[in-house]
Amino acid sequence: MSMATLGLNELLTALALPPSTQVQQRVPKKMLAENSAASLADRKLVQDRIEELTWQAVLKPTNVGVAAYVDELRSYLEVAVLVARLRTEAAPSGQVNQQGAKVSASVKRVAELVHRAVPYPTLLVLEDGPQMFASMAHIRWAQREAEKTVLDGDPIIVPVTLAAEPEVFLEAMALSKQPRSQMLALYQGWFDTLSAWQAVELTGQFKPSETPAQAAERRAALHTCKDLDARIAAARSAAAKEKQIARQVALNMEIKGLLAERQRVAQSL
């Protein structure tokens, strides 16, 4: 699989956002501490890991010609594009993706804190040394706190430093390629594109979803594969420690079944 390195400017340029959307305003880290970093550990993470947080652009009905979306659960009046430049860790930990980047626990937590702090659906790009990630998360109104938003599901965070078929991936990220009926659909379009890129780890090729239903099925399959990976790792760990031959055989049979199920699910991507 041919791989090419993508940079921040290349990714931002590929979004092809109108000049009228550009903000390029620095966001004080104090905002994160006040709005989402409730614990001492989170406040320390914000202080130690974030070098700079920039509000790169804002998409509104008036500057992109896409209608706002409002229902009883959420209000998507605009979509934000933010860039977080991070200070690198001495020894980052996390899972290694086929794309060649580690999604460390601290990168995941920083992304979550940013999404929690910003009251708009956000496309967040994180630079962590030579690695780059894109993260998105849906938000909704909090049930018990007026005018407060909470995450609606887990954020998606995808390594994008290395891209297979980079031209195809970058073209798919362009604003003009996203649904334009309303802001929720536009944001979901970017979300689905990142899900399609996430699937490259299993399929070996980048292929955007053709319909919302296909995108939903892909997200479900990716979630299932992640769950199966955890179960396989746990079973392998148990098998390595097991002393009884009969139990080892049973665990190996379980692993074999889980691997077959993972292969079946991956083929649906």
Protein backbone atom coordinates (compact mmCIF):
# COMPACT_ATOMS: atom_id res chain seq x y z
CA MET A 1 0.00 0.00 0.00
CA SER A 2 1.53 3.30 -1.08
CA MET A 3 1.78 5.80 1.76
CA ALA A 4 2.37 9.54 1.68
CA THR A 5 2.99 11.99 4.51
CA LEU A 6 0.38 14.69 5.04
CA GLY A 7 1.05 17.99 6.76
CA LEU A 8 -1.24 20.38 8.61
CA ASN A 9 -1.30 22.99 5.84
CA GLU A 10 -2.05 20.32 3.26
CA LEU A 11 -5.01 19.02 5.25
CA LEU A 12 -6.40 22.50 5.98
CA THR A 13 -6.00 23.48 2.33
CA ALA A 14 -7.82 20.31 1.27
CA LEU A 15 -10.88 21.38 3.27
CA ALA A 16 -11.24 24.22 0.73
CA LEU A 17 -13.00 26.54 3.16
CA PRO A 18 -14.10 29.98 1.87
CA PRO A 19 -11.92 32.92 3.04
CA SER A 20 -14.94 34.34 4.87
CA THR A 21 -14.85 31.36 7.26
CA GLN A 22 -11.31 32.04 8.47
CA VAL A 23 -10.88 33.11 12.11
CA GLN A 24 -7.30 32.10 13.07
CA GLN A 25 -7.72 33.25 16.64
CA ARG A 26 -5.79 31.79 19.55
CA VAL A 27 -7.96 30.15 22.24
CA PRO A 28 -6.74 30.63 25.84
CA LYS A 29 -6.04 27.34 27.60
CA LYS A 30 -7.89 28.87 30.54
CA MET A 31 -11.11 28.33 28.58
CA LEU A 32 -10.54 24.56 28.58
CA ALA A 33 -9.74 24.56 32.27
CA GLU A 34 -12.93 26.45 33.07
CA ASN A 35 -15.29 24.65 30.71
CA SER A 36 -14.16 21.02 30.66
CA ALA A 37 -11.07 20.29 32.77
CA ALA A 38 -12.75 19.80 36.14
CA SER A 39 -10.11 17.57 37.73
CA LEU A 40 -6.59 18.53 38.73
CA ALA A 41 -5.21 15.86 36.40
CA ASP A 42 -7.13 17.31 33.42
CA ARG A 43 -5.99 20.85 34.23
CA LYS A 44 -2.40 19.63 34.40
CA LEU A 45 -2.84 17.80 31.09
CA VAL A 46 -4.13 20.97 29.42
CA GLN A 47 -1.21 22.96 30.79
CA ASP A 48 1.48 20.40 30.01
CA ARG A 49 0.34 18.97 26.67
CA ILE A 50 -1.23 21.85 24.76
CA GLU A 51 1.25 24.26 23.23
CA GLU A 52 -1.32 26.28 21.35
CA LEU A 53 -5.01 25.99 20.49
CA THR A 54 -6.22 27.96 17.47
CA TRP A 55 -9.76 28.61 16.27
CA GLN A 56 -8.97 28.15 12.60
CA ALA A 57 -12.37 28.69 10.98
CA VAL A 58 -16.10 28.81 11.64
CA LEU A 59 -18.76 27.65 9.18
CA LYS A 60 -22.06 29.50 9.42
CA PRO A 61 -25.15 29.66 7.21
CA THR A 62 -24.07 33.17 6.17
CA ASN A 63 -20.60 32.17 4.94
CA VAL A 64 -21.08 28.67 3.52
CA GLY A 65 -24.74 28.73 2.47
CA VAL A 66 -25.71 25.74 4.64
CA ALA A 67 -28.77 26.02 6.87
CA ALA A 68 -28.55 25.68 10.65
CA TYR A 69 -29.98 22.54 12.24
CA VAL A 70 -32.13 22.63 15.39
CA ASP A 71 -34.22 19.94 17.07
CA GLU A 72 -35.08 18.97 20.64
CA LEU A 73 -31.70 17.28 21.17
CA ARG A 74 -29.20 19.62 19.55
CA SER A 75 -28.61 22.98 17.94
CA TYR A 76 -26.00 23.04 15.18
CA LEU A 77 -25.91 26.72 14.31
CA GLU A 78 -22.30 26.56 13.14
CA VAL A 79 -19.36 24.19 12.79
CA ALA A 80 -15.92 25.03 14.20
CA VAL A 81 -12.50 24.02 12.88
CA LEU A 82 -9.78 24.05 15.56
CA VAL A 83 -6.08 23.18 15.54
CA ALA A 84 -4.25 22.00 18.67
CA ARG A 85 -0.46 21.96 18.63
CA LEU A 86 0.75 19.62 21.36
CA ARG A 87 3.99 19.30 23.27
CA THR A 88 5.36 15.83 22.60
CA GLU A 89 5.51 13.24 25.35
CA ALA A 90 8.75 11.53 26.29
CA ALA A 91 7.21 8.07 25.93
CA PRO A 92 3.68 8.14 24.48
CA SER A 93 1.60 5.04 25.00
CA GLY A 94 -1.30 3.73 22.97
CA GLN A 95 -2.27 1.47 20.13
CA VAL A 96 -0.19 1.45 16.97
CA ASN A 97 -2.27 1.86 13.83
CA GLN A 98 -1.36 0.55 10.39
CA GLN A 99 -1.11 4.19 9.34
CA GLY A 100 1.98 4.36 11.56
CA ALA A 101 0.81 6.63 14.36
CA LYS A 102 0.05 6.08 18.02
CA VAL A 103 -3.16 7.40 19.51
CA SER A 104 -1.93 7.95 23.05
CA ALA A 105 -4.20 8.21 26.06
CA SER A 106 -3.22 11.85 26.51
CA VAL A 107 -4.05 12.76 22.89
CA LYS A 108 -7.44 11.10 23.27
CA ARG A 109 -8.11 12.97 26.50
CA VAL A 110 -7.04 16.35 25.08
CA ALA A 111 -9.37 15.82 22.13
CA GLU A 112 -12.24 14.95 24.46
CA LEU A 113 -11.62 18.03 26.64
CA VAL A 114 -11.63 20.32 23.60
CA HIS A 115 -14.87 18.81 22.31
CA ARG A 116 -16.44 19.21 25.74
CA ALA A 117 -15.32 22.83 26.04
CA VAL A 118 -16.49 24.08 22.64
CA PRO A 119 -20.29 24.47 22.44
CA TYR A 120 -20.30 23.78 18.69
CA PRO A 121 -19.67 20.63 16.66
CA THR A 122 -15.94 20.76 15.98
CA LEU A 123 -13.49 19.33 13.49
CA LEU A 124 -10.32 19.24 15.58
CA VAL A 125 -6.87 18.69 14.10
CA LEU A 126 -4.12 17.78 16.57
CA GLU A 127 -0.39 18.03 15.83
CA ASP A 128 1.67 15.86 18.15
CA GLY A 129 5.25 16.18 16.96
CA PRO A 130 5.47 14.42 13.59
CA GLN A 131 2.04 12.86 14.06
CA MET A 132 -1.29 14.40 13.14
CA PHE A 133 -4.81 13.36 14.11
CA ALA A 134 -8.31 14.47 13.20
CA SER A 135 -11.06 14.25 15.81
CA MET A 136 -14.81 14.84 15.76
CA ALA A 137 -17.64 14.41 18.26
CA HIS A 138 -21.36 15.06 18.14
CA ILE A 139 -22.83 17.16 20.94
CA ARG A 140 -26.32 17.60 22.37
CA TRP A 141 -28.06 19.68 25.03
CA ALA A 142 -27.46 18.58 28.62
CA GLN A 143 -30.59 17.22 30.27
CA ARG A 144 -30.18 18.95 33.62
CA GLU A 145 -28.23 22.12 32.78
CA ALA A 146 -29.78 24.78 30.57
CA GLU A 147 -27.58 26.09 27.75
CA LYS A 148 -24.95 23.43 28.47
CA THR A 149 -23.82 20.87 25.89
CA VAL A 150 -22.45 17.36 26.42
CA LEU A 151 -20.84 14.82 24.13
CA ASP A 152 -23.29 12.62 22.26
CA GLY A 153 -21.25 9.44 21.96
CA ASP A 154 -17.49 8.97 22.00
CA PRO A 155 -15.27 11.19 19.85
CA ILE A 156 -13.70 9.68 16.76
CA ILE A 157 -9.95 10.29 16.56
CA VAL A 158 -8.07 9.12 13.51
CA PRO A 159 -4.35 9.27 12.61
CA VAL A 160 -3.95 11.18 9.34
CA THR A 161 -0.19 11.76 9.23
CA LEU A 162 0.22 8.99 6.69
CA ALA A 163 -2.38 8.45 4.00
CA ALA A 164 -2.94 5.65 1.54
CA GLU A 165 -4.12 7.19 -1.71
CA PRO A 166 -3.69 10.70 -0.20
CA GLU A 167 -5.24 12.49 -3.17
CA VAL A 168 -8.47 10.52 -2.81
CA PHE A 169 -8.59 11.10 0.94
CA LEU A 170 -7.90 14.84 0.69
CA GLU A 171 -10.43 15.27 -2.10
CA ALA A 172 -13.07 13.53 0.04
CA MET A 173 -12.43 15.99 2.90
CA ALA A 174 -13.24 19.07 0.77
CA LEU A 175 -16.19 21.14 1.96
CA SER A 176 -17.76 20.86 -1.48
CA LYS A 177 -17.91 17.06 -1.10
CA GLN A 178 -19.98 17.18 2.10
CA PRO A 179 -23.81 17.17 2.28
CA ARG A 180 -25.15 20.71 2.25
CA SER A 181 -28.79 20.34 3.30
CA GLN A 182 -28.02 21.54 6.86
CA MET A 183 -25.16 21.76 9.37
CA LEU A 184 -25.78 18.36 10.99
CA ALA A 185 -25.57 16.65 7.60
CA LEU A 186 -22.41 18.59 6.71
CA TYR A 187 -20.72 17.65 9.98
CA GLN A 188 -21.82 14.03 9.60
CA GLY A 189 -20.27 14.02 6.14
CA TRP A 190 -16.85 14.83 7.57
CA PHE A 191 -17.44 12.34 10.39
CA ASP A 192 -18.23 9.58 7.87
CA THR A 193 -15.16 10.45 5.79
CA LEU A 194 -12.93 10.01 8.84
CA SER A 195 -14.67 6.69 9.59
CA ALA A 196 -13.87 5.59 6.06
CA TRP A 197 -10.23 6.51 6.60
CA GLN A 198 -10.24 4.66 9.92
CA ALA A 199 -11.33 1.54 8.04
CA VAL A 200 -8.15 1.64 5.91
CA GLU A 201 -6.36 -0.15 8.75
CA LEU A 202 -8.53 -3.20 8.05
CA THR A 203 -9.30 -2.90 4.33
CA GLY A 204 -6.04 -1.53 2.93
CA GLN A 205 -7.80 1.07 0.80
CA PHE A 206 -9.71 4.29 1.29
CA LYS A 207 -13.31 4.10 0.08
CA PRO A 208 -15.84 6.77 1.14
CA SER A 209 -19.31 5.62 2.15
CA GLU A 210 -21.88 5.99 -0.61
CA THR A 211 -24.92 6.45 1.64
CA PRO A 212 -25.62 7.43 5.28
CA ALA A 213 -26.84 3.88 5.91
CA GLN A 214 -23.57 2.44 4.63
CA ALA A 215 -21.64 4.87 6.82
CA ALA A 216 -23.65 3.80 9.89
CA GLU A 217 -22.99 0.13 9.11
CA ARG A 218 -19.27 0.87 8.77
CA ARG A 219 -19.17 2.66 12.13
CA ALA A 220 -20.92 -0.31 13.75
CA ALA A 221 -18.47 -2.74 12.13
CA LEU A 222 -15.47 -0.68 13.29
CA HIS A 223 -16.86 -0.68 16.83
CA THR A 224 -17.35 -4.45 16.67
CA CYS A 225 -13.78 -4.97 15.42
CA LYS A 226 -12.46 -2.84 18.29
CA ASP A 227 -14.44 -4.90 20.78
CA LEU A 228 -13.24 -8.16 19.21
CA ASP A 229 -9.62 -6.96 19.33
CA ALA A 230 -9.98 -6.38 23.08
CA ARG A 231 -11.50 -9.83 23.59
CA ILE A 232 -8.76 -11.48 21.49
CA ALA A 233 -6.04 -9.70 23.46
CA ALA A 234 -7.61 -10.75 26.76
CA ALA A 235 -7.95 -14.38 25.63
CA ARG A 236 -4.33 -14.49 24.40
CA SER A 237 -3.12 -13.07 27.70
CA ALA A 238 -5.13 -15.67 29.61
CA ALA A 239 -3.82 -18.46 27.38
CA ALA A 240 -0.22 -17.41 27.97
CA LYS A 241 -0.72 -17.65 31.75
CA GLU A 242 -2.83 -20.83 31.80
CA LYS A 243 -1.16 -23.96 33.17
CA GLN A 244 -3.88 -26.53 32.45
CA ILE A 245 -3.67 -28.08 28.98
CA ALA A 246 -7.44 -28.48 28.62
CA ARG A 247 -8.02 -24.83 29.46
CA GLN A 248 -5.27 -23.76 27.03
CA VAL A 249 -6.98 -25.72 24.27
CA ALA A 250 -10.32 -24.12 25.08
CA LEU A 251 -8.82 -20.62 25.06
CA ASN A 252 -7.05 -21.27 21.74
CA MET A 253 -10.33 -22.45 20.25
CA GLU A 254 -11.99 -19.28 21.56
CA ILE A 255 -9.24 -17.15 20.00
CA LYS A 256 -9.65 -18.96 16.69
CA GLY A 257 -13.40 -18.26 16.72
CA LEU A 258 -12.89 -14.60 17.60
CA LEU A 259 -10.33 -14.16 14.81
CA ALA A 260 -12.73 -15.72 12.31
CA GLU A 261 -15.50 -13.39 13.48
CA ARG A 262 -13.20 -10.37 13.21
CA GLN A 263 -12.26 -11.35 9.67
CA ARG A 264 -15.92 -11.69 8.75
CA VAL A 265 -16.78 -8.27 10.18
CA ALA A 266 -13.73 -6.64 8.56
CA GLN A 267 -14.83 -7.94 5.17
CA SER A 268 -18.06 -5.95 5.53
CA LEU A 269 -16.10 -2.70 5.65
